[in-house]
PDB file of N, CA and C in Angstrom:
ATOM      1  N   UNK A   1     -49.269  33.727  60.616  1.00  0.00           N
ATOM      2  CA  UNK A   1     -48.683  33.093  59.456  1.00  0.00           C
ATOM      3  C   UNK A   1     -49.809  32.520  58.597  1.00  0.00           C
ATOM      4  N   UNK A   2     -49.842  32.862  57.325  1.00  0.00           N
ATOM      5  CA  UNK A   2     -50.898  32.413  56.419  1.00  0.00           C
ATOM      6  C   UNK A   2     -50.424  31.211  55.614  1.00  0.00           C
ATOM      7  N   UNK A   3     -51.270  30.206  55.533  1.00  0.00           N
ATOM      8  CA  UNK A   3     -50.990  29.033  54.712  1.00  0.00           C
ATOM      9  C   UNK A   3     -52.181  28.796  53.802  1.00  0.00           C
ATOM     10  N   UNK A   4     -51.918  28.395  52.602  1.00  0.00           N
ATOM     11  CA  UNK A   4     -52.963  28.144  51.623  1.00  0.00           C
ATOM     12  C   UNK A   4     -53.878  27.009  52.075  1.00  0.00           C
ATOM     13  N   UNK A   5     -55.180  27.236  51.988  1.00  0.00           N
ATOM     14  CA  UNK A   5     -56.154  26.223  52.395  1.00  0.00           C
ATOM     15  C   UNK A   5     -56.002  24.918  51.623  1.00  0.00           C
ATOM     16  N   UNK A   6     -55.774  24.931  50.289  1.00  0.00           N
ATOM     17  CA  UNK A   6     -55.627  23.649  49.584  1.00  0.00           C
ATOM     18  C   UNK A   6     -54.475  22.795  50.115  1.00  0.00           C
ATOM     19  N   UNK A   7     -53.405  23.429  50.546  1.00  0.00           N
ATOM     20  CA  UNK A   7     -52.278  22.664  51.089  1.00  0.00           C
ATOM     21  C   UNK A   7     -52.713  21.930  52.346  1.00  0.00           C
ATOM     22  N   UNK A   8     -53.388  22.632  53.254  1.00  0.00           N
ATOM     23  CA  UNK A   8     -53.801  22.006  54.507  1.00  0.00           C
ATOM     24  C   UNK A   8     -54.925  21.006  54.276  1.00  0.00           C
ATOM     25  N   UNK A   9     -55.781  21.257  53.296  1.00  0.00           N
ATOM     26  CA  UNK A   9     -56.833  20.296  52.974  1.00  0.00           C
ATOM     27  C   UNK A   9     -56.214  19.007  52.456  1.00  0.00           C
ATOM     28  N   UNK A  10     -55.177  19.135  51.620  1.00  0.00           N
ATOM     29  CA  UNK A  10     -54.469  17.950  51.131  1.00  0.00           C
ATOM     30  C   UNK A  10     -53.812  17.185  52.262  1.00  0.00           C
ATOM     31  N   UNK A  11     -53.228  17.915  53.191  1.00  0.00           N
ATOM     32  CA  UNK A  11     -52.610  17.269  54.344  1.00  0.00           C
ATOM     33  C   UNK A  11     -53.665  16.560  55.177  1.00  0.00           C
ATOM     34  N   UNK A  12     -54.795  17.206  55.374  1.00  0.00           N
ATOM     35  CA  UNK A  12     -55.876  16.598  56.146  1.00  0.00           C
ATOM     36  C   UNK A  12     -56.347  15.315  55.473  1.00  0.00           C
ATOM     37  N   UNK A  13     -56.462  15.332  54.150  1.00  0.00           N
ATOM     38  CA  UNK A  13     -56.853  14.117  53.426  1.00  0.00           C
ATOM     39  C   UNK A  13     -55.835  13.013  53.682  1.00  0.00           C
ATOM     40  N   UNK A  14     -54.557  13.355  53.636  1.00  0.00           N
ATOM     41  CA  UNK A  14     -53.504  12.368  53.887  1.00  0.00           C
ATOM     42  C   UNK A  14     -53.627  11.807  55.293  1.00  0.00           C
ATOM     43  N   UNK A  15     -53.894  12.673  56.252  1.00  0.00           N
ATOM     44  CA  UNK A  15     -54.033  12.222  57.636  1.00  0.00           C
ATOM     45  C   UNK A  15     -55.210  11.272  57.799  1.00  0.00           C
ATOM     46  N   UNK A  16     -56.273  11.465  57.024  1.00  0.00           N
ATOM     47  CA  UNK A  16     -57.437  10.593  57.162  1.00  0.00           C
ATOM     48  C   UNK A  16     -57.158   9.193  56.642  1.00  0.00           C
ATOM     49  N   UNK A  17     -56.106   9.042  55.865  1.00  0.00           N
ATOM     50  CA  UNK A  17     -55.759   7.732  55.337  1.00  0.00           C
ATOM     51  C   UNK A  17     -54.994   6.895  56.357  1.00  0.00           C
ATOM     52  N   UNK A  18     -54.582   7.522  57.445  1.00  0.00           N
ATOM     53  CA  UNK A  18     -53.851   6.836  58.502  1.00  0.00           C
ATOM     54  C   UNK A  18     -54.860   6.164  59.432  1.00  0.00           C
ATOM     55  N   UNK A  19     -54.630   4.898  59.768  1.00  0.00           N
ATOM     56  CA  UNK A  19     -55.528   4.186  60.675  1.00  0.00           C
ATOM     57  C   UNK A  19     -55.504   4.869  62.035  1.00  0.00           C
ATOM     58  N   UNK A  20     -56.673   5.173  62.544  1.00  0.00           N
ATOM     59  CA  UNK A  20     -56.757   5.896  63.813  1.00  0.00           C
ATOM     60  C   UNK A  20     -57.450   5.042  64.867  1.00  0.00           C
ATOM     61  N   UNK A  21     -56.669   4.456  65.768  1.00  0.00           N
ATOM     62  CA  UNK A  21     -57.243   3.701  66.884  1.00  0.00           C
ATOM     63  C   UNK A  21     -57.667   4.683  67.972  1.00  0.00           C
ATOM     64  N   UNK A  22     -58.405   4.200  68.980  1.00  0.00           N
ATOM     65  CA  UNK A  22     -58.872   5.100  70.037  1.00  0.00           C
ATOM     66  C   UNK A  22     -57.713   5.695  70.827  1.00  0.00           C
ATOM     67  N   UNK A  23     -56.616   4.938  71.027  1.00  0.00           N
ATOM     68  CA  UNK A  23     -55.458   5.488  71.733  1.00  0.00           C
ATOM     69  C   UNK A  23     -54.811   6.594  70.912  1.00  0.00           C
ATOM     70  N   UNK A  24     -54.686   6.362  69.618  1.00  0.00           N
ATOM     71  CA  UNK A  24     -54.104   7.386  68.754  1.00  0.00           C
ATOM     72  C   UNK A  24     -54.981   8.633  68.774  1.00  0.00           C
ATOM     73  N   UNK A  25     -56.295   8.452  68.719  1.00  0.00           N
ATOM     74  CA  UNK A  25     -57.192   9.607  68.725  1.00  0.00           C
ATOM     75  C   UNK A  25     -57.076  10.402  70.016  1.00  0.00           C
ATOM     76  N   UNK A  26     -56.807   9.737  71.126  1.00  0.00           N
ATOM     77  CA  UNK A  26     -56.629  10.450  72.396  1.00  0.00           C
ATOM     78  C   UNK A  26     -55.364  11.299  72.355  1.00  0.00           C
ATOM     79  N   UNK A  27     -54.297  10.774  71.744  1.00  0.00           N
ATOM     80  CA  UNK A  27     -53.023  11.482  71.666  1.00  0.00           C
ATOM     81  C   UNK A  27     -52.937  12.410  70.458  1.00  0.00           C
ATOM     82  N   UNK A  28     -53.675  12.085  69.407  1.00  0.00           N
ATOM     83  CA  UNK A  28     -53.617  12.842  68.155  1.00  0.00           C
ATOM     84  C   UNK A  28     -55.041  13.115  67.656  1.00  0.00           C
ATOM     85  N   UNK A  29     -55.746  14.036  68.302  1.00  0.00           N
ATOM     86  CA  UNK A  29     -57.157  14.257  67.961  1.00  0.00           C
ATOM     87  C   UNK A  29     -57.384  14.747  66.534  1.00  0.00           C
ATOM     88  N   UNK A  30     -56.363  15.291  65.872  1.00  0.00           N
ATOM     89  CA  UNK A  30     -56.513  15.747  64.492  1.00  0.00           C
ATOM     90  C   UNK A  30     -56.753  14.584  63.527  1.00  0.00           C
ATOM     91  N   UNK A  31     -56.548  13.345  63.984  1.00  0.00           N
ATOM     92  CA  UNK A  31     -56.820  12.173  63.151  1.00  0.00           C
ATOM     93  C   UNK A  31     -58.268  11.698  63.274  1.00  0.00           C
ATOM     94  N   UNK A  32     -59.047  12.335  64.123  1.00  0.00           N
ATOM     95  CA  UNK A  32     -60.433  11.929  64.371  1.00  0.00           C
ATOM     96  C   UNK A  32     -61.341  12.421  63.238  1.00  0.00           C
ATOM     97  N   UNK A  33     -61.818  11.515  62.386  1.00  0.00           N
ATOM     98  CA  UNK A  33     -62.639  11.938  61.243  1.00  0.00           C
ATOM     99  C   UNK A  33     -64.017  12.465  61.635  1.00  0.00           C
ATOM    100  N   UNK A  34     -64.410  12.320  62.905  1.00  0.00           N
ATOM    101  CA  UNK A  34     -65.718  12.825  63.329  1.00  0.00           C
ATOM    102  C   UNK A  34     -65.685  14.314  63.660  1.00  0.00           C
ATOM    103  N   UNK A  35     -64.491  14.887  63.809  1.00  0.00           N
ATOM    104  CA  UNK A  35     -64.375  16.318  64.095  1.00  0.00           C
ATOM    105  C   UNK A  35     -64.469  17.113  62.798  1.00  0.00           C
ATOM    106  N   UNK A  36     -64.937  18.359  62.872  1.00  0.00           N
ATOM    107  CA  UNK A  36     -64.962  19.210  61.671  1.00  0.00           C
ATOM    108  C   UNK A  36     -63.539  19.432  61.144  1.00  0.00           C
ATOM    109  N   UNK A  37     -63.394  19.523  59.821  1.00  0.00           N
ATOM    110  CA  UNK A  37     -62.072  19.677  59.209  1.00  0.00           C
ATOM    111  C   UNK A  37     -61.304  20.873  59.750  1.00  0.00           C
ATOM    112  N   UNK A  38     -61.975  22.015  59.902  1.00  0.00           N
ATOM    113  CA  UNK A  38     -61.297  23.212  60.401  1.00  0.00           C
ATOM    114  C   UNK A  38     -60.715  22.979  61.791  1.00  0.00           C
ATOM    115  N   UNK A  39     -61.455  22.271  62.639  1.00  0.00           N
ATOM    116  CA  UNK A  39     -60.968  21.978  63.992  1.00  0.00           C
ATOM    117  C   UNK A  39     -59.774  21.033  63.935  1.00  0.00           C
ATOM    118  N   UNK A  40     -59.841  20.035  63.076  1.00  0.00           N
ATOM    119  CA  UNK A  40     -58.736  19.081  62.952  1.00  0.00           C
ATOM    120  C   UNK A  40     -57.469  19.769  62.465  1.00  0.00           C
ATOM    121  N   UNK A  41     -57.615  20.655  61.476  1.00  0.00           N
ATOM    122  CA  UNK A  41     -56.449  21.378  60.968  1.00  0.00           C
ATOM    123  C   UNK A  41     -55.855  22.248  62.065  1.00  0.00           C
ATOM    124  N   UNK A  42     -56.710  22.957  62.818  1.00  0.00           N
ATOM    125  CA  UNK A  42     -56.204  23.817  63.892  1.00  0.00           C
ATOM    126  C   UNK A  42     -55.506  23.004  64.972  1.00  0.00           C
ATOM    127  N   UNK A  43     -56.079  21.863  65.349  1.00  0.00           N
ATOM    128  CA  UNK A  43     -55.443  20.990  66.344  1.00  0.00           C
ATOM    129  C   UNK A  43     -54.064  20.546  65.867  1.00  0.00           C
ATOM    130  N   UNK A  44     -53.968  20.209  64.581  1.00  0.00           N
ATOM    131  CA  UNK A  44     -52.690  19.777  64.027  1.00  0.00           C
ATOM    132  C   UNK A  44     -51.689  20.926  63.998  1.00  0.00           C
ATOM    133  N   UNK A  45     -52.112  22.088  63.498  1.00  0.00           N
ATOM    134  CA  UNK A  45     -51.206  23.235  63.407  1.00  0.00           C
ATOM    135  C   UNK A  45     -50.698  23.673  64.770  1.00  0.00           C
ATOM    136  N   UNK A  46     -51.530  23.527  65.796  1.00  0.00           N
ATOM    137  CA  UNK A  46     -51.121  23.901  67.155  1.00  0.00           C
ATOM    138  C   UNK A  46     -49.960  23.048  67.661  1.00  0.00           C
ATOM    139  N   UNK A  47     -49.750  21.879  67.069  1.00  0.00           N
ATOM    140  CA  UNK A  47     -48.667  20.987  67.485  1.00  0.00           C
ATOM    141  C   UNK A  47     -47.336  21.310  66.807  1.00  0.00           C
ATOM    142  N   UNK A  48     -47.376  22.113  65.735  1.00  0.00           N
ATOM    143  CA  UNK A  48     -46.177  22.395  64.950  1.00  0.00           C
ATOM    144  C   UNK A  48     -45.521  23.701  65.370  1.00  0.00           C
ATOM    145  N   UNK A  49     -44.185  23.708  65.353  1.00  0.00           N
ATOM    146  CA  UNK A  49     -43.480  24.974  65.532  1.00  0.00           C
ATOM    147  C   UNK A  49     -43.320  25.613  64.144  1.00  0.00           C
ATOM    148  N   UNK A  50     -42.783  26.811  64.083  1.00  0.00           N
ATOM    149  CA  UNK A  50     -42.662  27.533  62.811  1.00  0.00           C
ATOM    150  C   UNK A  50     -41.816  26.778  61.797  1.00  0.00           C
ATOM    151  N   UNK A  51     -40.738  26.156  62.244  1.00  0.00           N
ATOM    152  CA  UNK A  51     -39.866  25.398  61.344  1.00  0.00           C
ATOM    153  C   UNK A  51     -40.611  24.222  60.727  1.00  0.00           C
ATOM    154  N   UNK A  52     -41.394  23.527  61.532  1.00  0.00           N
ATOM    155  CA  UNK A  52     -42.159  22.385  61.026  1.00  0.00           C
ATOM    156  C   UNK A  52     -43.242  22.836  60.046  1.00  0.00           C
ATOM    157  N   UNK A  53     -43.887  23.959  60.324  1.00  0.00           N
ATOM    158  CA  UNK A  53     -44.901  24.483  59.402  1.00  0.00           C
ATOM    159  C   UNK A  53     -44.264  24.824  58.062  1.00  0.00           C
ATOM    160  N   UNK A  54     -43.118  25.468  58.116  1.00  0.00           N
ATOM    161  CA  UNK A  54     -42.417  25.831  56.885  1.00  0.00           C
ATOM    162  C   UNK A  54     -42.050  24.577  56.092  1.00  0.00           C
ATOM    163  N   UNK A  55     -41.553  23.556  56.767  1.00  0.00           N
ATOM    164  CA  UNK A  55     -41.162  22.318  56.085  1.00  0.00           C
ATOM    165  C   UNK A  55     -42.356  21.642  55.416  1.00  0.00           C
ATOM    166  N   UNK A  56     -43.549  21.792  56.005  1.00  0.00           N
ATOM    167  CA  UNK A  56     -44.736  21.167  55.422  1.00  0.00           C
ATOM    168  C   UNK A  56     -45.137  21.808  54.097  1.00  0.00           C
ATOM    169  N   UNK A  57     -44.863  23.089  53.921  1.00  0.00           N
ATOM    170  CA  UNK A  57     -45.249  23.759  52.677  1.00  0.00           C
ATOM    171  C   UNK A  57     -44.082  23.963  51.721  1.00  0.00           C
ATOM    172  N   UNK A  58     -42.848  23.924  52.230  1.00  0.00           N
ATOM    173  CA  UNK A  58     -41.674  24.151  51.401  1.00  0.00           C
ATOM    174  C   UNK A  58     -41.152  22.860  50.804  1.00  0.00           C
ATOM    175  N   UNK A  59     -41.315  21.757  51.504  1.00  0.00           N
ATOM    176  CA  UNK A  59     -40.784  20.491  51.019  1.00  0.00           C
ATOM    177  C   UNK A  59     -39.316  20.338  51.377  1.00  0.00           C
ATOM    178  N   UNK A  60     -38.713  19.283  50.861  1.00  0.00           N
ATOM    179  CA  UNK A  60     -37.310  19.026  51.151  1.00  0.00           C
ATOM    180  C   UNK A  60     -36.668  18.299  49.983  1.00  0.00           C
ATOM    181  N   UNK A  61     -35.427  17.940  50.160  1.00  0.00           N
ATOM    182  CA  UNK A  61     -34.716  17.211  49.109  1.00  0.00           C
ATOM    183  C   UNK A  61     -34.434  15.779  49.513  1.00  0.00           C
ATOM    184  N   UNK A  62     -35.052  15.328  50.589  1.00  0.00           N
ATOM    185  CA  UNK A  62     -34.873  13.944  51.045  1.00  0.00           C
ATOM    186  C   UNK A  62     -35.750  13.048  50.180  1.00  0.00           C
ATOM    187  N   UNK A  63     -35.175  12.540  49.121  1.00  0.00           N
ATOM    188  CA  UNK A  63     -35.942  11.747  48.172  1.00  0.00           C
ATOM    189  C   UNK A  63     -35.457  10.312  48.205  1.00  0.00           C
ATOM    190  N   UNK A  64     -36.324   9.428  48.663  1.00  0.00           N
ATOM    191  CA  UNK A  64     -35.979   8.016  48.738  1.00  0.00           C
ATOM    192  C   UNK A  64     -36.401   7.322  47.458  1.00  0.00           C
ATOM    193  N   UNK A  65     -35.535   6.424  46.954  1.00  0.00           N
ATOM    194  CA  UNK A  65     -35.951   5.680  45.769  1.00  0.00           C
ATOM    195  C   UNK A  65     -36.919   4.580  46.184  1.00  0.00           C
ATOM    196  N   UNK A  66     -37.558   3.980  45.230  1.00  0.00           N
ATOM    197  CA  UNK A  66     -38.562   2.960  45.513  1.00  0.00           C
ATOM    198  C   UNK A  66     -38.014   1.553  45.316  1.00  0.00           C
ATOM    199  N   UNK A  67     -36.715   1.389  45.474  1.00  0.00           N
ATOM    200  CA  UNK A  67     -36.091   0.083  45.304  1.00  0.00           C
ATOM    201  C   UNK A  67     -35.573  -0.143  43.898  1.00  0.00           C
ATOM    202  N   UNK A  68     -35.856   0.792  43.002  1.00  0.00           N
ATOM    203  CA  UNK A  68     -35.408   0.647  41.614  1.00  0.00           C
ATOM    204  C   UNK A  68     -34.178   1.498  41.338  1.00  0.00           C
ATOM    205  N   UNK A  69     -33.778   2.303  42.303  1.00  0.00           N
ATOM    206  CA  UNK A  69     -32.667   3.219  42.093  1.00  0.00           C
ATOM    207  C   UNK A  69     -33.119   4.521  41.457  1.00  0.00           C
ATOM    208  N   UNK A  70     -34.414   4.636  41.190  1.00  0.00           N
ATOM    209  CA  UNK A  70     -34.976   5.837  40.581  1.00  0.00           C
ATOM    210  C   UNK A  70     -35.976   6.439  41.556  1.00  0.00           C
ATOM    211  N   UNK A  71     -35.873   7.724  41.743  1.00  0.00           N
ATOM    212  CA  UNK A  71     -36.815   8.378  42.641  1.00  0.00           C
ATOM    213  C   UNK A  71     -38.017   8.864  41.855  1.00  0.00           C
ATOM    214  N   UNK A  72     -39.222   8.429  42.239  1.00  0.00           N
ATOM    215  CA  UNK A  72     -40.419   8.832  41.507  1.00  0.00           C
ATOM    216  C   UNK A  72     -40.960  10.206  41.904  1.00  0.00           C
ATOM    217  N   UNK A  73     -40.377  10.823  42.918  1.00  0.00           N
ATOM    218  CA  UNK A  73     -40.927  12.083  43.431  1.00  0.00           C
ATOM    219  C   UNK A  73     -40.434  13.281  42.632  1.00  0.00           C
ATOM    220  N   UNK A  74     -41.356  14.188  42.308  1.00  0.00           N
ATOM    221  CA  UNK A  74     -40.939  15.490  41.800  1.00  0.00           C
ATOM    222  C   UNK A  74     -41.054  16.524  42.911  1.00  0.00           C
ATOM    223  N   UNK A  75     -41.690  16.132  43.982  1.00  0.00           N
ATOM    224  CA  UNK A  75     -41.810  16.949  45.179  1.00  0.00           C
ATOM    225  C   UNK A  75     -41.928  16.021  46.371  1.00  0.00           C
ATOM    226  N   UNK A  76     -41.354  16.395  47.492  1.00  0.00           N
ATOM    227  CA  UNK A  76     -41.351  15.505  48.650  1.00  0.00           C
ATOM    228  C   UNK A  76     -41.526  16.317  49.924  1.00  0.00           C
ATOM    229  N   UNK A  77     -42.388  15.830  50.805  1.00  0.00           N
ATOM    230  CA  UNK A  77     -42.550  16.420  52.134  1.00  0.00           C
ATOM    231  C   UNK A  77     -42.306  15.303  53.135  1.00  0.00           C
ATOM    232  N   UNK A  78     -41.332  15.491  53.999  1.00  0.00           N
ATOM    233  CA  UNK A  78     -41.009  14.471  54.994  1.00  0.00           C
ATOM    234  C   UNK A  78     -42.153  14.303  55.980  1.00  0.00           C
ATOM    235  N   UNK A  79     -42.360  13.077  56.396  1.00  0.00           N
ATOM    236  CA  UNK A  79     -43.389  12.781  57.384  1.00  0.00           C
ATOM    237  C   UNK A  79     -42.920  13.122  58.791  1.00  0.00           C
ATOM    238  N   UNK A  80     -43.825  12.990  59.728  1.00  0.00           N
ATOM    239  CA  UNK A  80     -43.536  13.212  61.137  1.00  0.00           C
ATOM    240  C   UNK A  80     -44.246  12.105  61.901  1.00  0.00           C
ATOM    241  N   UNK A  81     -43.508  11.052  62.229  1.00  0.00           N
ATOM    242  CA  UNK A  81     -44.106   9.884  62.876  1.00  0.00           C
ATOM    243  C   UNK A  81     -44.750  10.231  64.213  1.00  0.00           C
ATOM    244  N   UNK A  82     -44.151  11.152  64.949  1.00  0.00           N
ATOM    245  CA  UNK A  82     -44.688  11.547  66.248  1.00  0.00           C
ATOM    246  C   UNK A  82     -46.104  12.101  66.118  1.00  0.00           C
ATOM    247  N   UNK A  83     -46.353  12.837  65.042  1.00  0.00           N
ATOM    248  CA  UNK A  83     -47.662  13.447  64.833  1.00  0.00           C
ATOM    249  C   UNK A  83     -48.570  12.607  63.938  1.00  0.00           C
ATOM    250  N   UNK A  84     -48.080  11.465  63.470  1.00  0.00           N
ATOM    251  CA  UNK A  84     -48.893  10.591  62.634  1.00  0.00           C
ATOM    252  C   UNK A  84     -49.004  11.043  61.195  1.00  0.00           C
ATOM    253  N   UNK A  85     -48.006  11.782  60.711  1.00  0.00           N
ATOM    254  CA  UNK A  85     -48.031  12.302  59.348  1.00  0.00           C
ATOM    255  C   UNK A  85     -47.090  11.478  58.471  1.00  0.00           C
ATOM    256  N   UNK A  86     -47.621  10.824  57.441  1.00  0.00           N
ATOM    257  CA  UNK A  86     -46.752  10.067  56.539  1.00  0.00           C
ATOM    258  C   UNK A  86     -46.014  11.007  55.585  1.00  0.00           C
ATOM    259  N   UNK A  87     -44.917  10.537  55.002  1.00  0.00           N
ATOM    260  CA  UNK A  87     -44.231  11.308  53.967  1.00  0.00           C
ATOM    261  C   UNK A  87     -45.132  11.416  52.750  1.00  0.00           C
ATOM    262  N   UNK A  88     -44.986  12.503  52.017  1.00  0.00           N
ATOM    263  CA  UNK A  88     -45.779  12.721  50.816  1.00  0.00           C
ATOM    264  C   UNK A  88     -44.828  12.807  49.629  1.00  0.00           C
ATOM    265  N   UNK A  89     -45.049  11.953  48.640  1.00  0.00           N
ATOM    266  CA  UNK A  89     -44.260  11.943  47.407  1.00  0.00           C
ATOM    267  C   UNK A  89     -45.187  12.365  46.277  1.00  0.00           C
ATOM    268  N   UNK A  90     -44.860  13.467  45.622  1.00  0.00           N
ATOM    269  CA  UNK A  90     -45.694  13.954  44.519  1.00  0.00           C
ATOM    270  C   UNK A  90     -45.011  13.651  43.197  1.00  0.00           C
ATOM    271  N   UNK A  91     -45.784  13.327  42.196  1.00  0.00           N
ATOM    272  CA  UNK A  91     -45.210  13.010  40.898  1.00  0.00           C
ATOM    273  C   UNK A  91     -46.153  13.344  39.768  1.00  0.00           C
ATOM    274  N   UNK A  92     -45.606  13.374  38.574  1.00  0.00           N
ATOM    275  CA  UNK A  92     -46.409  13.586  37.376  1.00  0.00           C
ATOM    276  C   UNK A  92     -47.227  12.351  37.075  1.00  0.00           C
ATOM    277  N   UNK A  93     -48.220  12.510  36.242  1.00  0.00           N
ATOM    278  CA  UNK A  93     -49.007  11.376  35.779  1.00  0.00           C
ATOM    279  C   UNK A  93     -48.172  10.502  34.857  1.00  0.00           C
ATOM    280  N   UNK A  94     -48.716   9.374  34.430  1.00  0.00           N
ATOM    281  CA  UNK A  94     -47.945   8.439  33.618  1.00  0.00           C
ATOM    282  C   UNK A  94     -47.440   9.036  32.308  1.00  0.00           C
ATOM    283  N   UNK A  95     -48.133  10.032  31.780  1.00  0.00           N
ATOM    284  CA  UNK A  95     -47.688  10.634  30.527  1.00  0.00           C
ATOM    285  C   UNK A  95     -46.710  11.778  30.761  1.00  0.00           C
ATOM    286  N   UNK A  96     -46.495  12.144  32.007  1.00  0.00           N
ATOM    287  CA  UNK A  96     -45.602  13.259  32.305  1.00  0.00           C
ATOM    288  C   UNK A  96     -46.255  14.584  31.968  1.00  0.00           C
ATOM    289  N   UNK A  97     -45.485  15.621  31.956  1.00  0.00           N
ATOM    290  CA  UNK A  97     -46.044  16.934  31.624  1.00  0.00           C
ATOM    291  C   UNK A  97     -45.876  17.196  30.133  1.00  0.00           C
ATOM    292  N   UNK A  98     -46.593  18.166  29.637  1.00  0.00           N
ATOM    293  CA  UNK A  98     -46.550  18.507  28.223  1.00  0.00           C
ATOM    294  C   UNK A  98     -45.397  19.473  27.984  1.00  0.00           C
ATOM    295  N   UNK A  99     -44.301  18.977  27.425  1.00  0.00           N
ATOM    296  CA  UNK A  99     -43.101  19.787  27.236  1.00  0.00           C
ATOM    297  C   UNK A  99     -43.248  20.796  26.105  1.00  0.00           C
ATOM    298  N   UNK A 100     -44.231  20.634  25.238  1.00  0.00           N
ATOM    299  CA  UNK A 100     -44.385  21.532  24.088  1.00  0.00           C
ATOM    300  C   UNK A 100     -45.507  22.547  24.265  1.00  0.00           C
ATOM    301  N   UNK A 101     -45.963  22.717  25.493  1.00  0.00           N
ATOM    302  CA  UNK A 101     -47.069  23.637  25.781  1.00  0.00           C
ATOM    303  C   UNK A 101     -48.303  23.338  24.940  1.00  0.00           C
ATOM    304  N   UNK A 102     -48.544  22.097  24.661  1.00  0.00           N
ATOM    305  CA  UNK A 102     -49.709  21.686  23.891  1.00  0.00           C
ATOM    306  C   UNK A 102     -50.820  21.160  24.799  1.00  0.00           C
ATOM    307  N   UNK A 103     -50.666  21.336  26.087  1.00  0.00           N
ATOM    308  CA  UNK A 103     -51.643  20.818  27.034  1.00  0.00           C
ATOM    309  C   UNK A 103     -52.963  21.567  26.886  1.00  0.00           C
ATOM    310  N   UNK A 104     -54.028  20.824  26.562  1.00  0.00           N
ATOM    311  CA  UNK A 104     -55.329  21.463  26.458  1.00  0.00           C
ATOM    312  C   UNK A 104     -56.412  20.684  27.191  1.00  0.00           C
ATOM    313  N   UNK A 105     -56.037  19.585  27.839  1.00  0.00           N
ATOM    314  CA  UNK A 105     -56.987  18.808  28.610  1.00  0.00           C
ATOM    315  C   UNK A 105     -56.302  18.274  29.859  1.00  0.00           C
ATOM    316  N   UNK A 106     -57.061  18.186  30.927  1.00  0.00           N
ATOM    317  CA  UNK A 106     -56.582  17.569  32.157  1.00  0.00           C
ATOM    318  C   UNK A 106     -57.608  16.543  32.594  1.00  0.00           C
ATOM    319  N   UNK A 107     -57.143  15.417  33.044  1.00  0.00           N
ATOM    320  CA  UNK A 107     -58.074  14.430  33.578  1.00  0.00           C
ATOM    321  C   UNK A 107     -57.911  14.394  35.091  1.00  0.00           C
ATOM    322  N   UNK A 108     -58.981  14.145  35.777  1.00  0.00           N
ATOM    323  CA  UNK A 108     -58.911  14.036  37.235  1.00  0.00           C
ATOM    324  C   UNK A 108     -59.249  12.610  37.610  1.00  0.00           C
ATOM    325  N   UNK A 109     -58.272  11.943  38.170  1.00  0.00           N
ATOM    326  CA  UNK A 109     -58.513  10.560  38.584  1.00  0.00           C
ATOM    327  C   UNK A 109     -57.912  10.328  39.936  1.00  0.00           C
TER     328      UNK A 109
END
C-alpha cells in the first residue's frame, strides 16, 4: 500500500509535538525523536491495520466545535489515544481561500 510521503511527514511532525516520557517511548518508540524519521514512520505504520491507515489519509466527518458552536475544521483526522496520535484539524488561513481565482502569492508561516 503506497502512501504519500508528505502525509506521513506531517503526521510525524504532529507526533513529535506530543510529550514523550521514557515509559511512553518504551511502549511507543515512534515518538522517540532520536530515531531516524523513516524508522519512526515504519514503527508507527506497523501498528496500524489497513482500516486505520485509510482513516489517517482519508479523514472523517467527526468535527468537534471549539465551544463557539462553529467548527473551524475544513478537514479532520481523528486521533488514536492508544498510539499517542492527537486529532488533526485543518483549516484555511485567516483570509480564507481566494474565491475569485486571483491568488498569486502564498505566505508560509
